[in-house]
Amino acid sequence: MAGLLGGLLGNFSEVSIEDLKKQYGMYLMENEEIRTGFKLVRDSFLMTDERIILVDHQGVTGKKTRVASIELNSIFEVTMETAGTGFDDSELTIHYITSPYYKANDAKTAAYKFEFGKKFNLQPIYVALVTIASQNKKKLNG
């Protein structure tokens, strides 16, 4: 019941890699491996060794599906906000480059925010993504 309530409130919960492979394996590139994944009531996101895959089931039946990717090598900033008291959730926001040429002077960027329940330990995901962001900044500015 708590998982359903969290999903209704917009919080992601972790899903096993086996279940993610069964449901979303068809979206993986050749030799791409799922590292972890999370699910709302209908929507999901997966983290692979190459990218973050966002799966958005749309419409009343959820049969219409939008799949988008954020390349890990495009992430340049990550912020984390832990839950406070009351109804606050934990949040993770990633900022990434959407332009095809990352070193362009007028590179376009975007941000995507994920919300997790207050009891979810977000720190390992934050550390992994901020490490990637730091390495990406060194490559971009080096």
N, C-alpha and C. Protein backbone atom coordinates (compact mmCIF):
# COMPACT_ATOMS: atom_id res chain seq x y z
N MET A 1 0.83 -1.20 0.00
CA MET A 1 0.00 0.00 0.00
C MET A 1 0.87 1.26 0.00
N ALA A 2 1.96 1.23 0.78
CA ALA A 2 2.83 2.42 0.84
C ALA A 2 3.46 2.70 -0.52
N GLY A 3 3.82 1.62 -1.28
CA GLY A 3 4.39 1.82 -2.60
C GLY A 3 3.41 2.48 -3.56
N LEU A 4 2.14 2.06 -3.49
CA LEU A 4 1.12 2.66 -4.34
C LEU A 4 0.89 4.11 -3.96
N LEU A 5 0.83 4.37 -2.66
CA LEU A 5 0.64 5.75 -2.19
C LEU A 5 1.80 6.62 -2.63
N GLY A 6 3.03 6.10 -2.50
CA GLY A 6 4.19 6.86 -2.95
C GLY A 6 4.15 7.12 -4.44
N GLY A 7 3.71 6.13 -5.22
CA GLY A 7 3.59 6.31 -6.66
C GLY A 7 2.56 7.35 -7.01
N LEU A 8 1.44 7.35 -6.31
CA LEU A 8 0.41 8.35 -6.57
C LEU A 8 0.88 9.74 -6.22
N LEU A 9 1.76 9.86 -5.25
CA LEU A 9 2.29 11.16 -4.85
C LEU A 9 3.47 11.58 -5.70
N GLY A 10 3.87 10.77 -6.66
CA GLY A 10 4.94 11.16 -7.58
C GLY A 10 6.31 10.68 -7.16
N ASN A 11 6.40 9.68 -6.31
CA ASN A 11 7.69 9.18 -5.85
C ASN A 11 8.07 7.89 -6.57
N PHE A 12 9.32 7.80 -7.00
CA PHE A 12 9.81 6.60 -7.64
C PHE A 12 10.17 5.55 -6.60
N SER A 13 10.00 4.28 -6.95
CA SER A 13 10.46 3.19 -6.10
C SER A 13 11.32 2.26 -6.95
N GLU A 14 12.31 1.64 -6.34
CA GLU A 14 13.27 0.82 -7.07
C GLU A 14 12.63 -0.49 -7.56
N VAL A 15 13.06 -0.93 -8.76
CA VAL A 15 12.56 -2.15 -9.38
C VAL A 15 13.76 -3.04 -9.67
N SER A 16 13.59 -4.36 -9.61
CA SER A 16 14.70 -5.28 -9.86
C SER A 16 15.15 -5.18 -11.32
N ILE A 17 16.41 -5.45 -11.53
CA ILE A 17 16.99 -5.39 -12.88
C ILE A 17 16.33 -6.43 -13.79
N GLU A 18 16.01 -7.60 -13.24
CA GLU A 18 15.36 -8.65 -14.03
C GLU A 18 14.00 -8.17 -14.56
N ASP A 19 13.20 -7.55 -13.69
CA ASP A 19 11.90 -7.03 -14.12
C ASP A 19 12.06 -5.93 -15.17
N LEU A 20 13.06 -5.07 -14.99
CA LEU A 20 13.31 -3.99 -15.95
C LEU A 20 13.71 -4.56 -17.31
N LYS A 21 14.56 -5.59 -17.31
CA LYS A 21 14.97 -6.21 -18.57
C LYS A 21 13.79 -6.82 -19.30
N LYS A 22 12.89 -7.48 -18.55
CA LYS A 22 11.70 -8.09 -19.17
C LYS A 22 10.81 -7.02 -19.80
N GLN A 23 10.60 -5.93 -19.08
CA GLN A 23 9.66 -4.92 -19.55
C GLN A 23 10.25 -3.93 -20.54
N TYR A 24 11.54 -3.59 -20.38
CA TYR A 24 12.12 -2.52 -21.20
C TYR A 24 13.36 -2.94 -21.97
N GLY A 25 13.68 -4.22 -22.00
CA GLY A 25 14.87 -4.70 -22.69
C GLY A 25 14.92 -4.34 -24.16
N MET A 26 13.73 -4.18 -24.77
CA MET A 26 13.68 -3.86 -26.20
C MET A 26 14.19 -2.46 -26.51
N TYR A 27 14.34 -1.61 -25.49
CA TYR A 27 14.82 -0.23 -25.70
C TYR A 27 16.33 -0.12 -25.53
N LEU A 28 16.98 -1.20 -25.17
CA LEU A 28 18.42 -1.15 -24.95
C LEU A 28 19.19 -1.25 -26.25
N MET A 29 20.31 -0.53 -26.32
CA MET A 29 21.20 -0.63 -27.46
C MET A 29 22.02 -1.92 -27.30
N GLU A 30 22.66 -2.34 -28.37
CA GLU A 30 23.48 -3.54 -28.32
C GLU A 30 24.56 -3.39 -27.26
N ASN A 31 24.71 -4.39 -26.42
CA ASN A 31 25.70 -4.46 -25.34
C ASN A 31 25.46 -3.46 -24.20
N GLU A 32 24.32 -2.80 -24.18
CA GLU A 32 23.99 -1.86 -23.09
C GLU A 32 23.45 -2.65 -21.90
N GLU A 33 23.87 -2.28 -20.72
CA GLU A 33 23.47 -2.99 -19.50
C GLU A 33 22.72 -2.06 -18.56
N ILE A 34 21.61 -2.55 -18.01
CA ILE A 34 20.86 -1.79 -17.00
C ILE A 34 21.61 -1.88 -15.67
N ARG A 35 21.80 -0.74 -15.03
CA ARG A 35 22.46 -0.68 -13.72
C ARG A 35 21.44 -0.61 -12.58
N THR A 36 20.37 0.17 -12.78
CA THR A 36 19.30 0.29 -11.79
C THR A 36 18.09 0.90 -12.48
N GLY A 37 16.97 0.85 -11.82
CA GLY A 37 15.76 1.42 -12.41
C GLY A 37 14.68 1.64 -11.37
N PHE A 38 13.77 2.54 -11.70
CA PHE A 38 12.74 2.96 -10.77
C PHE A 38 11.42 3.10 -11.50
N LYS A 39 10.33 3.00 -10.75
CA LYS A 39 9.01 3.03 -11.35
C LYS A 39 8.06 3.86 -10.49
N LEU A 40 7.21 4.62 -11.20
CA LEU A 40 6.05 5.24 -10.59
C LEU A 40 4.88 4.28 -10.81
N VAL A 41 3.68 4.76 -10.70
CA VAL A 41 2.53 3.91 -10.98
C VAL A 41 2.60 3.41 -12.42
N ARG A 42 2.84 4.31 -13.39
CA ARG A 42 2.94 3.90 -14.80
C ARG A 42 4.28 4.24 -15.42
N ASP A 43 4.92 5.29 -15.00
CA ASP A 43 6.16 5.76 -15.61
C ASP A 43 7.37 5.11 -14.95
N SER A 44 8.47 5.08 -15.69
CA SER A 44 9.70 4.47 -15.18
C SER A 44 10.90 5.24 -15.68
N PHE A 45 12.03 5.03 -15.00
CA PHE A 45 13.30 5.43 -15.59
C PHE A 45 14.35 4.42 -15.23
N LEU A 46 15.27 4.20 -16.18
CA LEU A 46 16.32 3.22 -16.03
C LEU A 46 17.66 3.92 -16.17
N MET A 47 18.62 3.47 -15.44
CA MET A 47 19.98 3.96 -15.61
C MET A 47 20.79 2.79 -16.15
N THR A 48 21.40 3.02 -17.30
CA THR A 48 22.26 2.00 -17.91
C THR A 48 23.70 2.48 -17.83
N ASP A 49 24.59 1.72 -18.41
CA ASP A 49 25.99 2.12 -18.46
C ASP A 49 26.22 3.23 -19.48
N GLU A 50 25.21 3.56 -20.30
CA GLU A 50 25.34 4.58 -21.34
C GLU A 50 24.45 5.81 -21.13
N ARG A 51 23.25 5.60 -20.55
CA ARG A 51 22.27 6.68 -20.53
C ARG A 51 21.21 6.46 -19.46
N ILE A 52 20.38 7.45 -19.32
CA ILE A 52 19.18 7.34 -18.50
C ILE A 52 18.02 7.25 -19.49
N ILE A 53 17.19 6.24 -19.34
CA ILE A 53 16.05 6.05 -20.22
C ILE A 53 14.79 6.43 -19.45
N LEU A 54 14.03 7.37 -20.00
CA LEU A 54 12.79 7.82 -19.38
C LEU A 54 11.62 7.21 -20.14
N VAL A 55 10.74 6.51 -19.45
CA VAL A 55 9.60 5.85 -20.08
C VAL A 55 8.33 6.47 -19.51
N ASP A 56 7.56 7.12 -20.38
CA ASP A 56 6.35 7.84 -20.00
C ASP A 56 5.15 7.20 -20.69
N HIS A 57 4.35 6.47 -19.93
CA HIS A 57 3.12 5.87 -20.47
C HIS A 57 2.04 6.93 -20.44
N GLN A 58 1.43 7.20 -21.60
CA GLN A 58 0.48 8.30 -21.73
C GLN A 58 -0.93 7.81 -22.01
N GLY A 59 -1.86 8.69 -21.83
CA GLY A 59 -3.25 8.39 -22.13
C GLY A 59 -3.92 7.60 -21.02
N VAL A 60 -5.21 7.37 -21.18
CA VAL A 60 -6.01 6.68 -20.17
C VAL A 60 -5.55 5.23 -19.99
N THR A 61 -5.26 4.54 -21.08
CA THR A 61 -4.89 3.13 -21.00
C THR A 61 -3.39 2.93 -20.79
N GLY A 62 -2.58 3.95 -21.07
CA GLY A 62 -1.13 3.82 -20.93
C GLY A 62 -0.48 3.07 -22.06
N LYS A 63 -1.22 2.78 -23.13
CA LYS A 63 -0.64 2.05 -24.27
C LYS A 63 0.29 2.93 -25.09
N LYS A 64 -0.02 4.21 -25.15
CA LYS A 64 0.85 5.16 -25.85
C LYS A 64 2.04 5.42 -24.93
N THR A 65 3.23 5.25 -25.47
CA THR A 65 4.44 5.36 -24.65
C THR A 65 5.43 6.31 -25.30
N ARG A 66 5.99 7.19 -24.49
CA ARG A 66 7.07 8.09 -24.94
C ARG A 66 8.34 7.62 -24.25
N VAL A 67 9.39 7.38 -25.03
CA VAL A 67 10.68 6.95 -24.50
C VAL A 67 11.70 8.01 -24.88
N ALA A 68 12.43 8.51 -23.90
CA ALA A 68 13.46 9.51 -24.14
C ALA A 68 14.75 9.08 -23.43
N SER A 69 15.86 9.60 -23.90
CA SER A 69 17.16 9.25 -23.32
C SER A 69 17.95 10.50 -22.96
N ILE A 70 18.69 10.38 -21.89
CA ILE A 70 19.66 11.41 -21.51
C ILE A 70 21.01 10.69 -21.46
N GLU A 71 21.90 11.07 -22.36
CA GLU A 71 23.22 10.45 -22.41
C GLU A 71 24.00 10.81 -21.14
N LEU A 72 24.63 9.82 -20.53
CA LEU A 72 25.40 10.10 -19.31
C LEU A 72 26.54 11.08 -19.57
N ASN A 73 27.12 11.03 -20.78
CA ASN A 73 28.23 11.94 -21.07
C ASN A 73 27.78 13.37 -21.33
N SER A 74 26.47 13.64 -21.29
CA SER A 74 25.97 15.00 -21.47
C SER A 74 25.65 15.68 -20.13
N ILE A 75 25.70 14.94 -19.04
CA ILE A 75 25.36 15.49 -17.73
C ILE A 75 26.52 16.34 -17.21
N PHE A 76 26.21 17.58 -16.81
CA PHE A 76 27.27 18.46 -16.32
C PHE A 76 27.02 18.98 -14.91
N GLU A 77 25.84 18.78 -14.37
CA GLU A 77 25.57 19.22 -13.00
C GLU A 77 24.47 18.35 -12.41
N VAL A 78 24.60 18.06 -11.12
CA VAL A 78 23.61 17.26 -10.41
C VAL A 78 23.38 17.91 -9.05
N THR A 79 22.13 18.06 -8.66
CA THR A 79 21.82 18.58 -7.34
C THR A 79 20.89 17.60 -6.63
N MET A 80 21.02 17.56 -5.31
CA MET A 80 20.21 16.68 -4.50
C MET A 80 19.61 17.48 -3.37
N GLU A 81 18.34 17.22 -3.09
CA GLU A 81 17.68 17.85 -1.96
C GLU A 81 17.05 16.74 -1.15
N THR A 82 17.47 16.61 0.10
CA THR A 82 16.91 15.56 0.94
C THR A 82 15.57 15.99 1.50
N ALA A 83 14.80 15.01 1.92
CA ALA A 83 13.47 15.29 2.47
C ALA A 83 13.59 15.98 3.83
N GLY A 84 12.66 16.87 4.08
CA GLY A 84 12.58 17.52 5.38
C GLY A 84 11.45 16.90 6.18
N THR A 85 10.88 17.67 7.04
CA THR A 85 9.75 17.18 7.82
C THR A 85 8.47 17.40 7.03
N GLY A 86 7.42 16.75 7.44
CA GLY A 86 6.14 16.92 6.76
C GLY A 86 6.09 16.10 5.50
N PHE A 87 5.55 16.68 4.44
CA PHE A 87 5.32 15.95 3.19
C PHE A 87 6.44 16.13 2.17
N ASP A 88 7.57 16.69 2.57
CA ASP A 88 8.67 16.89 1.63
C ASP A 88 9.19 15.57 1.09
N ASP A 89 9.62 15.57 -0.16
CA ASP A 89 10.23 14.42 -0.80
C ASP A 89 11.70 14.71 -1.04
N SER A 90 12.46 13.67 -1.33
CA SER A 90 13.83 13.84 -1.77
C SER A 90 13.80 14.10 -3.27
N GLU A 91 14.67 14.99 -3.74
CA GLU A 91 14.70 15.34 -5.16
C GLU A 91 16.11 15.24 -5.70
N LEU A 92 16.21 14.80 -6.93
CA LEU A 92 17.47 14.75 -7.65
C LEU A 92 17.24 15.45 -8.97
N THR A 93 18.04 16.47 -9.26
CA THR A 93 17.91 17.21 -10.51
C THR A 93 19.20 17.06 -11.30
N ILE A 94 19.07 16.64 -12.55
CA ILE A 94 20.25 16.56 -13.41
C ILE A 94 20.13 17.63 -14.50
N HIS A 95 21.24 18.26 -14.79
CA HIS A 95 21.35 19.26 -15.85
C HIS A 95 22.22 18.65 -16.93
N TYR A 96 21.77 18.75 -18.16
CA TYR A 96 22.49 18.08 -19.24
C TYR A 96 22.43 18.90 -20.52
N ILE A 97 23.36 18.58 -21.41
CA ILE A 97 23.46 19.27 -22.70
C ILE A 97 22.59 18.53 -23.70
N THR A 98 21.74 19.28 -24.41
CA THR A 98 20.87 18.66 -25.41
C THR A 98 21.38 18.87 -26.83
N SER A 99 22.35 19.77 -27.01
CA SER A 99 22.92 20.03 -28.33
C SER A 99 23.74 18.82 -28.78
N PRO A 100 23.79 18.56 -30.09
CA PRO A 100 24.60 17.44 -30.55
C PRO A 100 26.11 17.67 -30.38
N TYR A 101 26.52 18.94 -30.29
CA TYR A 101 27.93 19.27 -30.13
C TYR A 101 28.12 19.87 -28.74
N TYR A 102 28.67 19.08 -27.85
CA TYR A 102 28.78 19.48 -26.45
C TYR A 102 29.71 20.67 -26.23
N LYS A 103 30.71 20.85 -27.06
CA LYS A 103 31.68 21.93 -26.86
C LYS A 103 31.31 23.21 -27.60
N ALA A 104 30.13 23.27 -28.19
CA ALA A 104 29.71 24.47 -28.92
C ALA A 104 29.52 25.64 -27.96
N ASN A 105 29.79 26.85 -28.44
CA ASN A 105 29.63 28.04 -27.61
C ASN A 105 28.18 28.28 -27.21
N ASP A 106 27.27 27.85 -28.03
CA ASP A 106 25.85 28.08 -27.74
C ASP A 106 25.13 26.76 -27.44
N ALA A 107 25.78 25.90 -26.69
CA ALA A 107 25.20 24.60 -26.36
C ALA A 107 23.88 24.78 -25.62
N LYS A 108 22.90 24.01 -26.01
CA LYS A 108 21.58 24.05 -25.37
C LYS A 108 21.57 23.07 -24.21
N THR A 109 20.91 23.45 -23.13
CA THR A 109 20.85 22.60 -21.95
C THR A 109 19.41 22.43 -21.48
N ALA A 110 19.22 21.45 -20.63
CA ALA A 110 17.91 21.20 -20.02
C ALA A 110 18.15 20.59 -18.64
N ALA A 111 17.09 20.50 -17.87
CA ALA A 111 17.16 19.89 -16.55
C ALA A 111 15.98 18.94 -16.39
N TYR A 112 16.19 17.90 -15.61
CA TYR A 112 15.13 16.94 -15.33
C TYR A 112 15.16 16.61 -13.85
N LYS A 113 13.99 16.69 -13.21
CA LYS A 113 13.91 16.47 -11.77
C LYS A 113 13.19 15.16 -11.48
N PHE A 114 13.79 14.36 -10.60
CA PHE A 114 13.20 13.12 -10.13
C PHE A 114 12.83 13.30 -8.66
N GLU A 115 11.68 12.78 -8.26
CA GLU A 115 11.26 12.86 -6.86
C GLU A 115 11.19 11.45 -6.28
N PHE A 116 11.75 11.30 -5.09
CA PHE A 116 11.77 10.03 -4.39
C PHE A 116 11.13 10.22 -3.01
N GLY A 117 10.64 9.14 -2.45
CA GLY A 117 10.07 9.19 -1.11
C GLY A 117 11.12 9.58 -0.08
N LYS A 118 10.67 10.10 1.02
CA LYS A 118 11.60 10.63 2.02
C LYS A 118 12.47 9.55 2.64
N LYS A 119 12.07 8.29 2.63
CA LYS A 119 12.86 7.23 3.23
C LYS A 119 13.88 6.64 2.25
N PHE A 120 13.80 7.01 0.97
CA PHE A 120 14.71 6.47 -0.03
C PHE A 120 16.09 7.09 0.14
N ASN A 121 17.14 6.26 0.17
CA ASN A 121 18.51 6.74 0.29
C ASN A 121 19.01 7.15 -1.10
N LEU A 122 18.96 8.43 -1.36
CA LEU A 122 19.31 8.98 -2.66
C LEU A 122 20.81 9.20 -2.83
N GLN A 123 21.54 9.18 -1.75
CA GLN A 123 22.96 9.52 -1.78
C GLN A 123 23.79 8.68 -2.75
N PRO A 124 23.64 7.34 -2.83
CA PRO A 124 24.47 6.59 -3.79
C PRO A 124 24.24 7.00 -5.25
N ILE A 125 23.00 7.27 -5.61
CA ILE A 125 22.71 7.70 -6.98
C ILE A 125 23.31 9.08 -7.22
N TYR A 126 23.16 9.97 -6.24
CA TYR A 126 23.73 11.31 -6.36
C TYR A 126 25.24 11.23 -6.56
N VAL A 127 25.92 10.45 -5.73
CA VAL A 127 27.39 10.35 -5.82
C VAL A 127 27.79 9.80 -7.19
N ALA A 128 27.09 8.78 -7.67
CA ALA A 128 27.43 8.20 -8.98
C ALA A 128 27.25 9.24 -10.09
N LEU A 129 26.13 9.97 -10.07
CA LEU A 129 25.87 10.94 -11.13
C LEU A 129 26.75 12.18 -11.01
N VAL A 130 27.04 12.64 -9.80
CA VAL A 130 27.90 13.81 -9.66
C VAL A 130 29.34 13.46 -10.06
N THR A 131 29.75 12.20 -9.87
CA THR A 131 31.06 11.75 -10.34
C THR A 131 31.11 11.80 -11.86
N ILE A 132 30.06 11.33 -12.51
CA ILE A 132 29.98 11.40 -13.97
C ILE A 132 30.00 12.85 -14.43
N ALA A 133 29.23 13.72 -13.77
CA ALA A 133 29.18 15.13 -14.14
C ALA A 133 30.56 15.78 -14.02
N SER A 134 31.26 15.46 -12.95
CA SER A 134 32.60 16.03 -12.75
C SER A 134 33.56 15.58 -13.86
N GLN A 135 33.52 14.31 -14.20
CA GLN A 135 34.38 13.81 -15.29
C GLN A 135 34.01 14.45 -16.61
N ASN A 136 32.71 14.64 -16.85
CA ASN A 136 32.26 15.28 -18.09
C ASN A 136 32.75 16.71 -18.19
N LYS A 137 32.71 17.45 -17.08
CA LYS A 137 33.17 18.85 -17.09
C LYS A 137 34.66 18.91 -17.41
N LYS A 138 35.43 17.98 -16.87
CA LYS A 138 36.87 17.94 -17.16
C LYS A 138 37.11 17.69 -18.63
N LYS A 139 36.34 16.77 -19.23
CA LYS A 139 36.49 16.48 -20.65
C LYS A 139 36.10 17.67 -21.51
N LEU A 140 35.00 18.33 -21.13
CA LEU A 140 34.51 19.47 -21.90
C LEU A 140 35.45 20.67 -21.81
N ASN A 141 36.05 20.87 -20.67
CA ASN A 141 36.87 22.07 -20.45
C ASN A 141 38.36 21.79 -20.61
N GLY A 142 38.73 20.54 -20.85
CA GLY A 142 40.14 20.18 -20.94
C GLY A 142 40.72 20.38 -22.30
